[in-house]
Amino acid sequence: MTENEKWDFINKLDEKLLVGGVILSEWSAFLIRDAETAFVAGAHLAAILTALAGIESHLKYEYGSQQRERLVQLIDAASITEELRAELHVLRRYRNRWVHVSDPHEDSDLLDNPGTHEAELEQMATRAIRALLQTIYTGQWL
């Protein structure tokens, strides 16, 4: 997708999903804006990481307690559809593969097949942006 097509994708999701109003923390709003900017610019890994940070921030704002809760716990406790919950867990596990690299010496596939990894990252970034918007637009007031 081109930059314009990516902005269109985001705007169409906003139009489809936002039917009422939502209240976001400033932390969440900042992370959402950065995730969208990274996505449009083609920084797919940055978009995934920032989208998941935005999701975590929003879930803490909406459903978290004063305790330090992990993203997995926040997802499980949130009032979201089972489909969205499953998607968030897929994205969380995918993010963890990049954030918590088990063996940085095992990089031959990344070096030999960068296009495959870039295509996968773009697909996952698209899914992350969609899940981010679905998450923040859950529980709207009308």
C-alpha atoms as a PDB file:
ATOM      1  CA  MET A   1       0.000   0.000   0.000  1.00  0.00           C
ATOM      2  CA  THR A   2       1.101   3.546  -0.661  1.00  0.00           C
ATOM      3  CA  GLU A   3       1.107   6.175   2.077  1.00  0.00           C
ATOM      4  CA  ASN A   4      -2.208   7.567   0.815  1.00  0.00           C
ATOM      5  CA  GLU A   5      -3.735   4.086   0.721  1.00  0.00           C
ATOM      6  CA  LYS A   6      -2.607   3.496   4.304  1.00  0.00           C
ATOM      7  CA  TRP A   7      -4.210   6.755   5.468  1.00  0.00           C
ATOM      8  CA  ASP A   8      -7.376   5.748   3.594  1.00  0.00           C
ATOM      9  CA  PHE A   9      -7.292   2.372   5.355  1.00  0.00           C
ATOM     10  CA  ILE A  10      -7.053   4.097   8.760  1.00  0.00           C
ATOM     11  CA  ASN A  11      -9.735   6.669   7.908  1.00  0.00           C
ATOM     12  CA  LYS A  12     -12.144   3.997   6.644  1.00  0.00           C
ATOM     13  CA  LEU A  13     -11.635   1.987   9.823  1.00  0.00           C
ATOM     14  CA  ASP A  14     -12.316   5.126  11.879  1.00  0.00           C
ATOM     15  CA  GLU A  15     -15.501   5.813   9.913  1.00  0.00           C
ATOM     16  CA  LYS A  16     -16.677   2.211  10.206  1.00  0.00           C
ATOM     17  CA  LEU A  17     -15.816   1.623  13.864  1.00  0.00           C
ATOM     18  CA  LEU A  18     -16.448   4.989  15.509  1.00  0.00           C
ATOM     19  CA  VAL A  19     -20.204   5.422  15.858  1.00  0.00           C
ATOM     20  CA  GLY A  20     -20.299   7.275  19.170  1.00  0.00           C
ATOM     21  CA  GLY A  21     -17.650   8.701  21.409  1.00  0.00           C
ATOM     22  CA  VAL A  22     -14.651   7.460  23.328  1.00  0.00           C
ATOM     23  CA  ILE A  23     -12.450   8.916  26.006  1.00  0.00           C
ATOM     24  CA  LEU A  24      -8.746   8.220  25.715  1.00  0.00           C
ATOM     25  CA  SER A  25      -5.904   9.032  28.040  1.00  0.00           C
ATOM     26  CA  GLU A  26      -3.283  11.373  26.616  1.00  0.00           C
ATOM     27  CA  TRP A  27      -0.787   8.488  26.797  1.00  0.00           C
ATOM     28  CA  SER A  28      -3.033   6.326  24.655  1.00  0.00           C
ATOM     29  CA  ALA A  29      -3.744   9.124  22.175  1.00  0.00           C
ATOM     30  CA  PHE A  30      -0.013   9.803  21.781  1.00  0.00           C
ATOM     31  CA  LEU A  31       0.792   6.123  21.213  1.00  0.00           C
ATOM     32  CA  ILE A  32      -2.084   5.714  18.740  1.00  0.00           C
ATOM     33  CA  ARG A  33      -0.936   8.713  16.735  1.00  0.00           C
ATOM     34  CA  ASP A  34       2.639   7.392  16.680  1.00  0.00           C
ATOM     35  CA  ALA A  35       1.503   3.877  15.671  1.00  0.00           C
ATOM     36  CA  GLU A  36      -0.491   5.288  12.761  1.00  0.00           C
ATOM     37  CA  THR A  37       2.425   7.497  11.693  1.00  0.00           C
ATOM     38  CA  ALA A  38       4.848   4.558  11.787  1.00  0.00           C
ATOM     39  CA  PHE A  39       2.408   2.397   9.819  1.00  0.00           C
ATOM     40  CA  VAL A  40       1.932   4.990   7.095  1.00  0.00           C
ATOM     41  CA  ALA A  41       5.691   5.589   6.870  1.00  0.00           C
ATOM     42  CA  GLY A  42       6.347   1.887   6.372  1.00  0.00           C
ATOM     43  CA  ALA A  43       8.050   1.337   9.724  1.00  0.00           C
ATOM     44  CA  HIS A  44       6.129  -1.877  10.215  1.00  0.00           C
ATOM     45  CA  LEU A  45       7.891  -3.198  13.299  1.00  0.00           C
ATOM     46  CA  ALA A  46       7.627   0.210  14.951  1.00  0.00           C
ATOM     47  CA  ALA A  47       3.922   0.281  14.081  1.00  0.00           C
ATOM     48  CA  ILE A  48       3.369  -3.136  15.675  1.00  0.00           C
ATOM     49  CA  LEU A  49       5.296  -2.287  18.837  1.00  0.00           C
ATOM     50  CA  THR A  50       3.624   1.086  19.226  1.00  0.00           C
ATOM     51  CA  ALA A  51       0.146  -0.233  18.410  1.00  0.00           C
ATOM     52  CA  LEU A  52       0.503  -2.876  21.122  1.00  0.00           C
ATOM     53  CA  ALA A  53       1.765  -0.209  23.536  1.00  0.00           C
ATOM     54  CA  GLY A  54      -1.320   1.869  22.679  1.00  0.00           C
ATOM     55  CA  ILE A  55      -3.561  -1.144  23.242  1.00  0.00           C
ATOM     56  CA  GLU A  56      -1.904  -1.828  26.595  1.00  0.00           C
ATOM     57  CA  SER A  57      -2.201   1.805  27.649  1.00  0.00           C
ATOM     58  CA  HIS A  58      -5.875   1.891  26.702  1.00  0.00           C
ATOM     59  CA  LEU A  59      -6.690  -1.397  28.424  1.00  0.00           C
ATOM     60  CA  LYS A  60      -4.959  -0.175  31.588  1.00  0.00           C
ATOM     61  CA  TYR A  61      -6.941   3.057  31.382  1.00  0.00           C
ATOM     62  CA  GLU A  62     -10.254   1.261  30.846  1.00  0.00           C
ATOM     63  CA  TYR A  63      -9.921  -2.013  32.743  1.00  0.00           C
ATOM     64  CA  GLY A  64      -6.689  -2.029  34.738  1.00  0.00           C
ATOM     65  CA  SER A  65      -6.335  -1.831  38.455  1.00  0.00           C
ATOM     66  CA  GLN A  66      -3.650   0.003  40.370  1.00  0.00           C
ATOM     67  CA  GLN A  67      -1.475  -3.108  40.189  1.00  0.00           C
ATOM     68  CA  ARG A  68       1.086  -3.570  37.453  1.00  0.00           C
ATOM     69  CA  GLU A  69      -0.723  -5.894  35.114  1.00  0.00           C
ATOM     70  CA  ARG A  70       0.856  -7.589  32.134  1.00  0.00           C
ATOM     71  CA  LEU A  71      -0.688  -7.193  28.695  1.00  0.00           C
ATOM     72  CA  VAL A  72      -1.830 -10.821  28.684  1.00  0.00           C
ATOM     73  CA  GLN A  73      -3.802 -10.215  31.902  1.00  0.00           C
ATOM     74  CA  LEU A  74      -5.285  -6.979  30.609  1.00  0.00           C
ATOM     75  CA  ILE A  75      -6.453  -8.687  27.414  1.00  0.00           C
ATOM     76  CA  ASP A  76      -8.041 -11.525  29.349  1.00  0.00           C
ATOM     77  CA  ALA A  77      -9.827  -9.146  31.747  1.00  0.00           C
ATOM     78  CA  ALA A  78     -11.076  -6.691  29.105  1.00  0.00           C
ATOM     79  CA  SER A  79     -14.710  -6.452  28.016  1.00  0.00           C
ATOM     80  CA  ILE A  80     -13.991  -7.192  24.360  1.00  0.00           C
ATOM     81  CA  THR A  81     -15.229  -9.782  21.899  1.00  0.00           C
ATOM     82  CA  GLU A  82     -13.619 -13.205  21.917  1.00  0.00           C
ATOM     83  CA  GLU A  83     -12.530 -12.614  18.323  1.00  0.00           C
ATOM     84  CA  LEU A  84     -10.691  -9.413  19.270  1.00  0.00           C
ATOM     85  CA  ARG A  85      -9.237 -11.091  22.369  1.00  0.00           C
ATOM     86  CA  ALA A  86      -7.825 -13.911  20.203  1.00  0.00           C
ATOM     87  CA  GLU A  87      -6.399 -11.401  17.714  1.00  0.00           C
ATOM     88  CA  LEU A  88      -4.739  -9.394  20.483  1.00  0.00           C
ATOM     89  CA  HIS A  89      -3.101 -12.546  21.813  1.00  0.00           C
ATOM     90  CA  VAL A  90      -1.796 -13.399  18.324  1.00  0.00           C
ATOM     91  CA  LEU A  91      -0.363  -9.896  17.996  1.00  0.00           C
ATOM     92  CA  ARG A  92       1.072  -9.967  21.519  1.00  0.00           C
ATOM     93  CA  ARG A  93       2.871 -13.250  20.868  1.00  0.00           C
ATOM     94  CA  TYR A  94       4.142 -11.949  17.509  1.00  0.00           C
ATOM     95  CA  ARG A  95       5.427  -8.776  19.161  1.00  0.00           C
ATOM     96  CA  ASN A  96       7.147 -10.857  21.829  1.00  0.00           C
ATOM     97  CA  ARG A  97       9.086 -12.774  19.167  1.00  0.00           C
ATOM     98  CA  TRP A  98      10.642  -9.482  18.048  1.00  0.00           C
ATOM     99  CA  VAL A  99      11.021  -7.865  21.452  1.00  0.00           C
ATOM    100  CA  HIS A 100      12.377 -10.917  23.259  1.00  0.00           C
ATOM    101  CA  VAL A 101      14.669 -12.466  20.633  1.00  0.00           C
ATOM    102  CA  SER A 102      15.672 -15.844  22.045  1.00  0.00           C
ATOM    103  CA  ASP A 103      18.984 -16.127  20.191  1.00  0.00           C
ATOM    104  CA  PRO A 104      20.287 -13.056  18.340  1.00  0.00           C
ATOM    105  CA  HIS A 105      22.972 -15.251  16.742  1.00  0.00           C
ATOM    106  CA  GLU A 106      20.263 -17.108  14.809  1.00  0.00           C
ATOM    107  CA  ASP A 107      19.868 -14.468  12.110  1.00  0.00           C
ATOM    108  CA  SER A 108      20.552 -16.378   8.895  1.00  0.00           C
ATOM    109  CA  ASP A 109      16.893 -16.490   7.849  1.00  0.00           C
ATOM    110  CA  LEU A 110      16.536 -12.772   8.475  1.00  0.00           C
ATOM    111  CA  LEU A 111      19.613 -12.118   6.334  1.00  0.00           C
ATOM    112  CA  ASP A 112      18.724 -14.630   3.603  1.00  0.00           C
ATOM    113  CA  ASN A 113      15.010 -13.756   3.291  1.00  0.00           C
ATOM    114  CA  PRO A 114      14.523 -10.103   4.262  1.00  0.00           C
ATOM    115  CA  GLY A 115      11.630  -9.682   1.818  1.00  0.00           C
ATOM    116  CA  THR A 116       9.679 -12.483   3.460  1.00  0.00           C
ATOM    117  CA  HIS A 117      10.107 -10.871   6.863  1.00  0.00           C
ATOM    118  CA  GLU A 118       9.186  -7.425   5.546  1.00  0.00           C
ATOM    119  CA  ALA A 119       6.015  -8.771   3.931  1.00  0.00           C
ATOM    120  CA  GLU A 120       5.054 -10.541   7.150  1.00  0.00           C
ATOM    121  CA  LEU A 121       5.761  -7.409   9.182  1.00  0.00           C
ATOM    122  CA  GLU A 122       3.583  -5.321   6.849  1.00  0.00           C
ATOM    123  CA  GLN A 123       0.719  -7.796   7.177  1.00  0.00           C
ATOM    124  CA  MET A 124       1.049  -7.894  10.961  1.00  0.00           C
ATOM    125  CA  ALA A 125       1.304  -4.091  11.150  1.00  0.00           C
ATOM    126  CA  THR A 126      -1.965  -3.833   9.235  1.00  0.00           C
ATOM    127  CA  ARG A 127      -3.573  -6.274  11.654  1.00  0.00           C
ATOM    128  CA  ALA A 128      -2.126  -4.374  14.626  1.00  0.00           C
ATOM    129  CA  ILE A 129      -3.551  -1.040  13.459  1.00  0.00           C
ATOM    130  CA  ARG A 130      -6.960  -2.656  12.889  1.00  0.00           C
ATOM    131  CA  ALA A 131      -6.875  -4.281  16.348  1.00  0.00           C
ATOM    132  CA  LEU A 132      -5.753  -1.019  17.933  1.00  0.00           C
ATOM    133  CA  LEU A 133      -8.734   0.843  16.519  1.00  0.00           C
ATOM    134  CA  GLN A 134     -11.125  -1.990  17.375  1.00  0.00           C
ATOM    135  CA  THR A 135      -9.823  -1.935  20.944  1.00  0.00           C
ATOM    136  CA  ILE A 136     -10.099   1.796  21.512  1.00  0.00           C
ATOM    137  CA  TYR A 137     -13.564   1.928  19.952  1.00  0.00           C
ATOM    138  CA  THR A 138     -14.936  -0.857  22.155  1.00  0.00           C
ATOM    139  CA  GLY A 139     -17.410   0.416  24.720  1.00  0.00           C
ATOM    140  CA  GLN A 140     -18.316   3.674  22.973  1.00  0.00           C
ATOM    141  CA  TRP A 141     -20.987   5.907  24.413  1.00  0.00           C
ATOM    142  CA  LEU A 142     -23.696   7.089  22.106  1.00  0.00           C
END
